[in-house]
């Protein structure tokens, strides 16, 4: 079969005919300069955090076969935007999980325009079109959401009160801190940390009252001051009890509550209960047992209970062998039982006393009590070990 030849004149004529048969591009299509943006809220008034906004001029096809000229994503804030849109009258549809959930059937966009199209699915027209089951689900969700928001607001308020109370306690504004934490514990009486913070403010107020009494030459055992210590102890007990019965007891909270309880009880004269509280703190938070046992030892020593203080110091040393102040308390407690030979006047320290002093110096050769300890050892005829006997003055 011979190839058909087409003259150049005929070819040109065909090209002209074909060019005439093609529709001319409209100015809007030639320069698609319009844009669109907006925000999408769901039926409970929250930003729709995922989905798409699609644009189409196809109004004759069903949903499954409809073609969309433009698709723009919705971001986590519920916002969307798109550019390069040709002018026209569009159906703008919100899609989520490839399902149409809302639409605007007539959005006219002019050439060069930046069109704002928002979707608020809380509107009555939208809700009215829901099925009874959908409306029921919506109302239940709104109720739970309102409860959650109220709970979050309550937590935020409590955190604010907690922060302010701690700041006030640190600054010595104890009355303000007590007022704030009484409000907090009234709002949420089952939160242990709130009771600890209330106790701290009450203990601070009691200490300030005792200090003022001493300065004024009056008794620090005034009933009003003792009552403040009692109030603090009550708050700490409440904190410890709530923490112990909670679903997830917090060792830090337990340790703090019992330790502070020990201080409040000791300062109000209840040494036995104070000692028990420190023991509870050590059991609740073994990592800090050395500190809690030392606090017990110091409390007992300051109250003249030297035998009990030495025993508590031994517990502190067993829990933390590097705690120098525990050795000092032990030495101070034991030296009280030193004996004096009536003939030679030689002082003999009880077993463990000298060793405690020597260990203190080994741990802190230039500690705050080093010179005092060296003097005690020299005074009872004991030699200060050469490794730390150099006469360097203690750091100040």
Protein backbone atom coordinates (compact mmCIF):
# COMPACT_ATOMS: atom_id res chain seq x y z
CA UNK A 1 0.00 0.00 0.00
CA UNK A 2 1.38 3.37 -1.08
CA UNK A 3 1.74 6.08 1.57
CA UNK A 4 -0.70 8.95 1.09
CA UNK A 5 0.99 12.25 0.41
CA UNK A 6 -0.51 15.50 1.67
CA UNK A 7 0.47 18.71 0.04
CA UNK A 8 1.81 21.49 2.22
CA UNK A 9 -1.20 23.65 1.34
CA UNK A 10 -3.65 21.00 2.55
CA UNK A 11 -1.60 20.45 5.72
CA UNK A 12 -1.74 24.12 6.62
CA UNK A 13 -5.49 24.15 5.99
CA UNK A 14 -5.95 21.19 8.37
CA UNK A 15 -3.95 22.91 11.13
CA UNK A 16 -6.12 25.99 10.81
CA UNK A 17 -9.30 23.89 11.06
CA UNK A 18 -7.98 22.06 14.14
CA UNK A 19 -7.02 25.32 15.82
CA UNK A 20 -10.51 26.71 15.20
CA UNK A 21 -12.09 23.55 16.64
CA UNK A 22 -10.31 23.98 20.08
CA UNK A 23 -12.11 26.22 22.64
CA UNK A 24 -10.15 29.29 23.53
CA UNK A 25 -8.86 29.41 27.17
CA UNK A 26 -10.74 31.93 29.28
CA UNK A 27 -8.72 34.69 31.01
CA UNK A 28 -9.56 33.12 34.42
CA UNK A 29 -8.28 29.73 33.29
CA UNK A 30 -5.24 31.22 31.70
CA UNK A 31 -4.34 33.00 34.94
CA UNK A 32 -5.56 30.97 37.93
CA UNK A 33 -4.62 33.55 40.53
CA UNK A 34 -7.44 33.21 43.07
CA UNK A 35 -6.96 31.64 46.50
CA UNK A 36 -9.06 30.34 49.38
CA UNK A 37 -8.59 29.92 53.12
CA UNK A 38 -10.65 29.27 56.23
CA UNK A 39 -11.19 27.41 59.48
CA UNK A 40 -13.15 24.23 60.16
CA UNK A 41 -14.88 23.44 63.48
CA UNK A 42 -16.54 20.13 64.20
CA UNK A 43 -19.96 19.66 65.80
CA UNK A 44 -18.64 20.14 69.36
CA UNK A 45 -16.95 23.41 68.49
CA UNK A 46 -13.40 22.11 68.34
CA UNK A 47 -10.99 22.54 65.44
CA UNK A 48 -11.11 19.67 62.96
CA UNK A 49 -7.51 18.46 63.20
CA UNK A 50 -7.31 16.46 60.01
CA UNK A 51 -9.10 16.21 56.69
CA UNK A 52 -9.34 18.04 53.39
CA UNK A 53 -11.27 20.84 51.72
CA UNK A 54 -12.10 20.02 48.12
CA UNK A 55 -13.42 22.30 45.34
CA UNK A 56 -15.49 21.23 42.32
CA UNK A 57 -17.73 22.72 39.68
CA UNK A 58 -19.22 19.28 38.96
CA UNK A 59 -22.77 19.47 40.28
CA UNK A 60 -24.30 16.74 38.13
CA UNK A 61 -22.34 13.67 39.28
CA UNK A 62 -23.02 11.67 42.42
CA UNK A 63 -20.61 11.87 45.35
CA UNK A 64 -18.59 8.79 44.41
CA UNK A 65 -17.92 9.80 40.83
CA UNK A 66 -17.61 13.55 41.30
CA UNK A 67 -14.30 15.04 40.17
CA UNK A 68 -12.63 17.73 42.24
CA UNK A 69 -10.41 20.33 40.65
CA UNK A 70 -8.64 21.33 43.87
CA UNK A 71 -7.87 19.65 47.20
CA UNK A 72 -6.28 21.40 50.19
CA UNK A 73 -5.30 19.78 53.53
CA UNK A 74 -6.67 20.86 56.93
CA UNK A 75 -3.90 21.33 59.50
CA UNK A 76 -3.86 20.47 63.22
CA UNK A 77 -5.34 23.89 64.07
CA UNK A 78 -8.34 23.34 61.83
CA UNK A 79 -7.08 25.78 59.20
CA UNK A 80 -6.68 25.30 55.46
CA UNK A 81 -5.55 27.40 52.52
CA UNK A 82 -4.99 27.00 48.81
CA UNK A 83 -3.81 29.03 45.85
CA UNK A 84 -3.77 28.79 42.04
CA UNK A 85 -7.54 28.58 41.74
CA UNK A 86 -9.36 29.59 38.56
CA UNK A 87 -12.32 31.94 38.97
CA UNK A 88 -15.68 30.20 39.13
CA UNK A 89 -18.66 29.05 41.17
CA UNK A 90 -17.58 26.06 43.27
CA UNK A 91 -19.05 23.50 45.59
CA UNK A 92 -16.65 23.44 48.56
CA UNK A 93 -16.71 20.17 50.48
CA UNK A 94 -15.07 19.12 53.77
CA UNK A 95 -13.78 15.57 53.73
CA UNK A 96 -12.47 13.47 56.60
CA UNK A 97 -11.33 9.86 56.23
CA UNK A 98 -12.45 10.12 52.60
CA UNK A 99 -16.02 10.87 53.67
CA UNK A 100 -17.94 14.10 52.99
CA UNK A 101 -18.98 15.66 56.32
CA UNK A 102 -19.95 19.24 55.37
CA UNK A 103 -20.24 21.46 52.32
CA UNK A 104 -21.05 24.89 50.89
CA UNK A 105 -22.83 24.46 47.59
CA UNK A 106 -22.17 27.87 46.08
CA UNK A 107 -18.89 29.65 46.60
CA UNK A 108 -18.21 32.24 43.91
CA UNK A 109 -14.51 33.04 43.61
CA UNK A 110 -13.43 35.97 41.46
CA UNK A 111 -10.16 36.19 39.61
CA UNK A 112 -7.43 37.43 41.98
CA UNK A 113 -9.64 37.09 45.06
CA UNK A 114 -8.53 35.49 48.38
CA UNK A 115 -11.82 33.92 49.46
CA UNK A 116 -12.60 33.17 53.12
CA UNK A 117 -14.81 30.12 53.60
CA UNK A 118 -15.28 28.83 57.15
CA UNK A 119 -17.17 25.75 58.29
CA UNK A 120 -18.85 25.68 61.70
CA UNK A 121 -20.61 22.38 62.25
CA UNK A 122 -22.16 23.57 65.51
CA UNK A 123 -24.69 25.54 63.48
CA UNK A 124 -28.34 24.55 63.96
CA UNK A 125 -28.85 23.56 60.34
CA UNK A 126 -26.02 21.06 60.57
CA UNK A 127 -27.10 19.55 63.89
CA UNK A 128 -30.73 19.32 62.76
CA UNK A 129 -29.70 17.05 59.91
CA UNK A 130 -28.08 14.55 62.26
CA UNK A 131 -29.75 11.27 63.04
CA UNK A 132 -31.14 10.80 66.57
CA UNK A 133 -28.24 8.47 67.33
CA UNK A 134 -25.70 11.04 66.13
CA UNK A 135 -27.31 13.80 68.21
CA UNK A 136 -27.29 11.55 71.29
CA UNK A 137 -23.62 10.79 70.79
CA UNK A 138 -22.92 14.49 70.30
CA UNK A 139 -24.68 15.48 73.55
CA UNK A 140 -22.88 12.79 75.53
CA UNK A 141 -19.56 13.93 74.13
CA UNK A 142 -20.34 17.57 74.92
CA UNK A 143 -21.15 16.62 78.51
CA UNK A 144 -17.92 14.67 78.94
CA UNK A 145 -15.95 17.40 77.25
CA UNK A 146 -17.45 20.05 79.54
CA UNK A 147 -16.57 17.94 82.57
CA UNK A 148 -13.03 17.48 81.29
CA UNK A 149 -12.63 21.21 80.66
CA UNK A 150 -13.96 22.00 84.13
CA UNK A 151 -11.51 19.48 85.58
CA UNK A 152 -8.62 21.02 83.67
CA UNK A 153 -9.59 24.47 84.88
CA UNK A 154 -9.73 23.20 88.45
CA UNK A 155 -6.28 21.64 88.13
CA UNK A 156 -4.89 24.85 86.67
CA UNK A 157 -6.35 26.82 89.60
CA UNK A 158 -4.90 24.38 92.14
CA UNK A 159 -1.48 24.53 90.49
CA UNK A 160 -1.63 28.32 90.67
CA UNK A 161 -2.50 28.22 94.37
CA UNK A 162 0.25 25.67 95.01
CA UNK A 163 2.88 27.76 93.25
CA UNK A 164 1.82 30.95 95.01
CA UNK A 165 1.77 29.26 98.43
CA UNK A 166 5.27 27.88 97.98
CA UNK A 167 6.50 31.32 96.92
CA UNK A 168 4.81 32.96 99.91
CA UNK A 169 6.19 30.35 102.33
CA UNK A 170 9.71 30.88 101.01
CA UNK A 171 9.28 34.64 101.40
CA UNK A 172 7.92 34.30 104.93
CA UNK A 173 4.37 35.29 103.98
CA UNK A 174 2.95 32.38 105.94
CA UNK A 175 -0.58 33.69 106.49
CA UNK A 176 -1.09 34.22 102.76
CA UNK A 177 0.28 30.74 102.03
CA UNK A 178 -1.99 29.16 104.65
CA UNK A 179 -5.04 30.93 103.21
CA UNK A 180 -4.21 29.78 99.68
CA UNK A 181 -3.67 26.18 100.69
CA UNK A 182 -6.80 26.01 102.82
CA UNK A 183 -8.68 27.05 99.70
CA UNK A 184 -6.85 24.40 97.68
CA UNK A 185 -7.47 21.59 100.18
CA UNK A 186 -11.14 22.55 100.33
CA UNK A 187 -11.41 22.31 96.54
CA UNK A 188 -9.53 18.99 96.36
CA UNK A 189 -9.28 17.43 99.82
CA UNK A 190 -7.92 14.11 98.51
CA UNK A 191 -4.66 15.51 97.06
CA UNK A 192 -1.78 14.72 99.43
CA UNK A 193 0.73 17.25 98.04
CA UNK A 194 -1.66 20.10 98.86
CA UNK A 195 -1.71 19.03 102.51
CA UNK A 196 2.10 18.85 102.58
CA UNK A 197 2.29 22.41 101.29
CA UNK A 198 -0.31 23.58 103.83
CA UNK A 199 1.74 21.91 106.56
CA UNK A 200 4.89 23.68 105.36
CA UNK A 201 3.16 27.06 105.62
CA UNK A 202 1.81 26.23 109.08
CA UNK A 203 5.21 24.97 110.26
CA UNK A 204 6.83 28.14 108.95
CA UNK A 205 4.29 30.26 110.84
CA UNK A 206 4.96 28.27 114.03
CA UNK A 207 8.74 28.65 113.71
CA UNK A 208 8.35 32.38 113.12
CA UNK A 209 6.15 32.65 116.20
CA UNK A 210 8.66 30.74 118.34
CA UNK A 211 11.52 32.91 117.12
CA UNK A 212 9.59 36.10 117.83
CA UNK A 213 8.79 34.83 121.33
CA UNK A 214 12.44 34.19 122.10
CA UNK A 215 13.38 37.63 120.80
CA UNK A 216 10.70 39.20 123.00
CA UNK A 217 11.77 37.14 125.99
CA UNK A 218 8.47 35.29 126.21
CA UNK A 219 7.89 31.54 126.20
CA UNK A 220 8.13 29.75 122.85
CA UNK A 221 5.79 27.19 124.40
CA UNK A 222 2.91 29.62 124.37
CA UNK A 223 -0.32 27.68 123.63
CA UNK A 224 -0.93 29.69 120.46
CA UNK A 225 2.49 28.71 119.09
CA UNK A 226 2.09 25.08 120.14
CA UNK A 227 -1.26 25.05 118.36
CA UNK A 228 0.43 26.14 115.13
CA UNK A 229 2.79 23.19 115.39
CA UNK A 230 -0.19 20.94 116.09
CA UNK A 231 -1.98 22.27 113.00
CA UNK A 232 1.09 21.57 110.89
CA UNK A 233 1.32 18.03 112.26
CA UNK A 234 -2.35 17.45 111.43
CA UNK A 235 -1.77 18.53 107.82
CA UNK A 236 1.28 16.30 107.44
CA UNK A 237 -0.59 13.31 108.87
CA UNK A 238 -3.42 13.94 106.42
CA UNK A 239 -0.93 14.06 103.55
CA UNK A 240 0.72 10.80 104.60
CA UNK A 241 -2.62 9.01 104.99
CA UNK A 242 -3.94 10.18 101.62
CA UNK A 243 -0.73 9.19 99.88
CA UNK A 244 -0.70 5.76 101.49
CA UNK A 245 -4.28 5.01 100.39
CA UNK A 246 -3.92 6.37 96.86
CA UNK A 247 -3.76 4.12 93.80
CA UNK A 248 -0.10 4.98 93.27
CA UNK A 249 1.57 6.06 96.53
CA UNK A 250 4.44 8.47 95.89
CA UNK A 251 7.62 7.75 97.93
CA UNK A 252 8.76 11.37 97.64
CA UNK A 253 5.49 12.66 99.05
CA UNK A 254 5.51 10.08 101.83
CA UNK A 255 9.10 10.90 102.77
CA UNK A 256 8.44 14.64 102.83
CA UNK A 257 5.21 14.30 104.82
CA UNK A 258 6.70 12.07 107.53
CA UNK A 259 9.95 14.06 107.74
CA UNK A 260 8.10 17.35 108.19
CA UNK A 261 5.72 15.66 110.62
CA UNK A 262 8.75 14.69 112.68
CA UNK A 263 9.85 18.33 112.83
CA UNK A 264 6.40 19.60 113.81
CA UNK A 265 6.00 16.98 116.55
CA UNK A 266 9.48 17.52 117.95
CA UNK A 267 9.02 21.27 118.18
CA UNK A 268 5.73 20.80 119.99
CA UNK A 269 7.41 18.48 122.50
CA UNK A 270 6.21 15.07 121.20
CA UNK A 271 9.62 13.43 120.89
CA UNK A 272 8.46 9.82 120.78
CA UNK A 273 5.98 10.50 117.98
CA UNK A 274 8.56 12.64 116.20
CA UNK A 275 11.06 9.78 116.28
CA UNK A 276 8.42 7.42 114.90
CA UNK A 277 7.67 9.85 112.07
CA UNK A 278 11.33 9.99 111.01
CA UNK A 279 11.43 6.20 111.04
CA UNK A 280 8.38 6.15 108.78
CA UNK A 281 10.04 8.61 106.41
CA UNK A 282 13.10 6.36 106.12
CA UNK A 283 10.95 3.31 105.37
CA UNK A 284 8.86 5.17 102.81
CA UNK A 285 11.84 6.59 100.94
CA UNK A 286 14.94 4.43 101.53
CA UNK A 287 17.01 6.52 99.13
CA UNK A 288 16.90 9.39 101.65
CA UNK A 289 17.00 7.23 104.77
CA UNK A 290 20.38 8.64 105.80
CA UNK A 291 18.96 12.15 105.96
CA UNK A 292 15.80 11.12 107.81
CA UNK A 293 17.67 9.09 110.43
CA UNK A 294 20.08 11.98 110.90
CA UNK A 295 17.17 14.36 111.44
CA UNK A 296 15.89 11.94 114.07
CA UNK A 297 19.32 11.79 115.72
CA UNK A 298 19.70 15.58 115.74
CA UNK A 299 16.20 16.06 117.15
CA UNK A 300 16.83 13.57 119.95
CA UNK A 301 20.27 15.01 120.73
CA UNK A 302 18.96 18.58 120.91
CA UNK A 303 16.32 17.34 123.35
CA UNK A 304 18.89 15.70 125.60
CA UNK A 305 18.06 12.12 124.56
CA UNK A 306 21.69 11.22 123.91
CA UNK A 307 21.37 7.44 124.08
CA UNK A 308 18.50 7.45 121.60
CA UNK A 309 20.37 9.99 119.47
CA UNK A 310 23.41 7.72 119.21
CA UNK A 311 21.21 4.82 118.10
CA UNK A 312 19.56 6.98 115.43
CA UNK A 313 22.98 8.21 114.29
CA UNK A 314 24.06 4.59 113.80
CA UNK A 315 21.04 4.07 111.54
CA UNK A 316 21.95 7.17 109.55
CA UNK A 317 25.53 5.91 109.17
CA UNK A 318 24.36 2.48 108.06
CA UNK A 319 22.11 4.09 105.43
CA UNK A 320 24.74 6.61 104.31
CA UNK A 321 28.32 5.90 105.46
CA UNK A 322 29.52 9.18 103.94
CA UNK A 323 27.21 11.39 106.02
CA UNK A 324 29.77 13.23 108.16
CA UNK A 325 27.28 15.02 110.41
CA UNK A 326 25.90 11.66 111.57
CA UNK A 327 29.33 10.74 112.93
CA UNK A 328 29.50 14.09 114.69
CA UNK A 329 26.12 13.54 116.37
CA UNK A 330 27.18 10.05 117.38
CA UNK A 331 30.42 11.33 118.90
CA UNK A 332 28.62 14.14 120.72
CA UNK A 333 26.02 11.73 122.06
CA UNK A 334 28.58 9.21 123.30
CA UNK A 335 31.03 11.71 124.82
CA UNK A 336 28.38 12.53 127.39
CA UNK A 337 29.15 9.16 128.99
CA UNK A 338 32.92 9.64 129.14
CA UNK A 339 34.47 8.58 132.46
CA UNK A 340 37.25 10.27 134.45
CA UNK A 341 39.84 8.31 136.45
CA UNK A 342 39.85 9.96 139.89
CA UNK A 343 43.55 9.22 140.36
CA UNK A 344 44.98 10.14 136.97
CA UNK A 345 42.18 12.45 135.84
CA UNK A 346 42.42 10.74 132.49
CA UNK A 347 39.24 10.92 130.44
CA UNK A 348 38.09 7.71 128.79
CA UNK A 349 35.53 7.97 126.02
CA UNK A 350 32.96 5.19 125.63
CA UNK A 351 33.38 2.65 122.80
CA UNK A 352 32.73 4.08 119.37
CA UNK A 353 33.06 7.72 120.40
CA UNK A 354 36.63 8.37 119.29
CA UNK A 355 36.09 6.38 116.11
CA UNK A 356 33.06 8.53 115.28
CA UNK A 357 35.05 11.75 115.75
CA UNK A 358 37.98 10.42 113.74
CA UNK A 359 35.71 9.38 110.88
CA UNK A 360 34.09 12.81 110.86
CA UNK A 361 37.54 14.38 110.38
CA UNK A 362 38.41 11.89 107.64
CA UNK A 363 35.27 12.81 105.72
CA UNK A 364 35.49 16.59 106.22
CA UNK A 365 39.00 17.61 107.32
CA UNK A 366 38.02 21.25 107.12
CA UNK A 367 34.33 20.91 107.95
CA UNK A 368 32.34 23.30 110.13
CA UNK A 369 32.94 21.14 113.22
CA UNK A 370 36.50 20.04 112.48
CA UNK A 371 38.29 22.38 114.86
CA UNK A 372 35.80 21.58 117.60
CA UNK A 373 36.29 17.84 117.09
CA UNK A 374 40.08 18.17 117.08
CA UNK A 375 39.85 20.06 120.35
CA UNK A 376 37.69 17.34 121.91
CA UNK A 377 40.09 14.59 120.80
CA UNK A 378 43.09 16.49 122.11
CA UNK A 379 41.27 17.23 125.37
CA UNK A 380 40.64 13.56 126.10
CA UNK A 381 44.21 12.61 125.22
CA UNK A 382 43.57 11.15 121.80
CA UNK A 383 45.91 11.75 118.92
CA UNK A 384 44.46 13.40 115.85
CA UNK A 385 45.29 11.30 112.81
CA UNK A 386 48.14 12.71 110.75
CA UNK A 387 46.18 12.52 107.50
CA UNK A 388 44.06 15.47 108.60
CA UNK A 389 45.81 17.00 111.61
CA UNK A 390 47.54 19.74 109.64
CA UNK A 391 46.70 23.03 111.22
CA UNK A 392 44.73 24.49 108.35
CA UNK A 393 41.96 26.77 109.55
CA UNK A 394 38.43 25.70 108.78
CA UNK A 395 36.87 27.35 105.75
CA UNK A 396 34.44 30.11 106.60
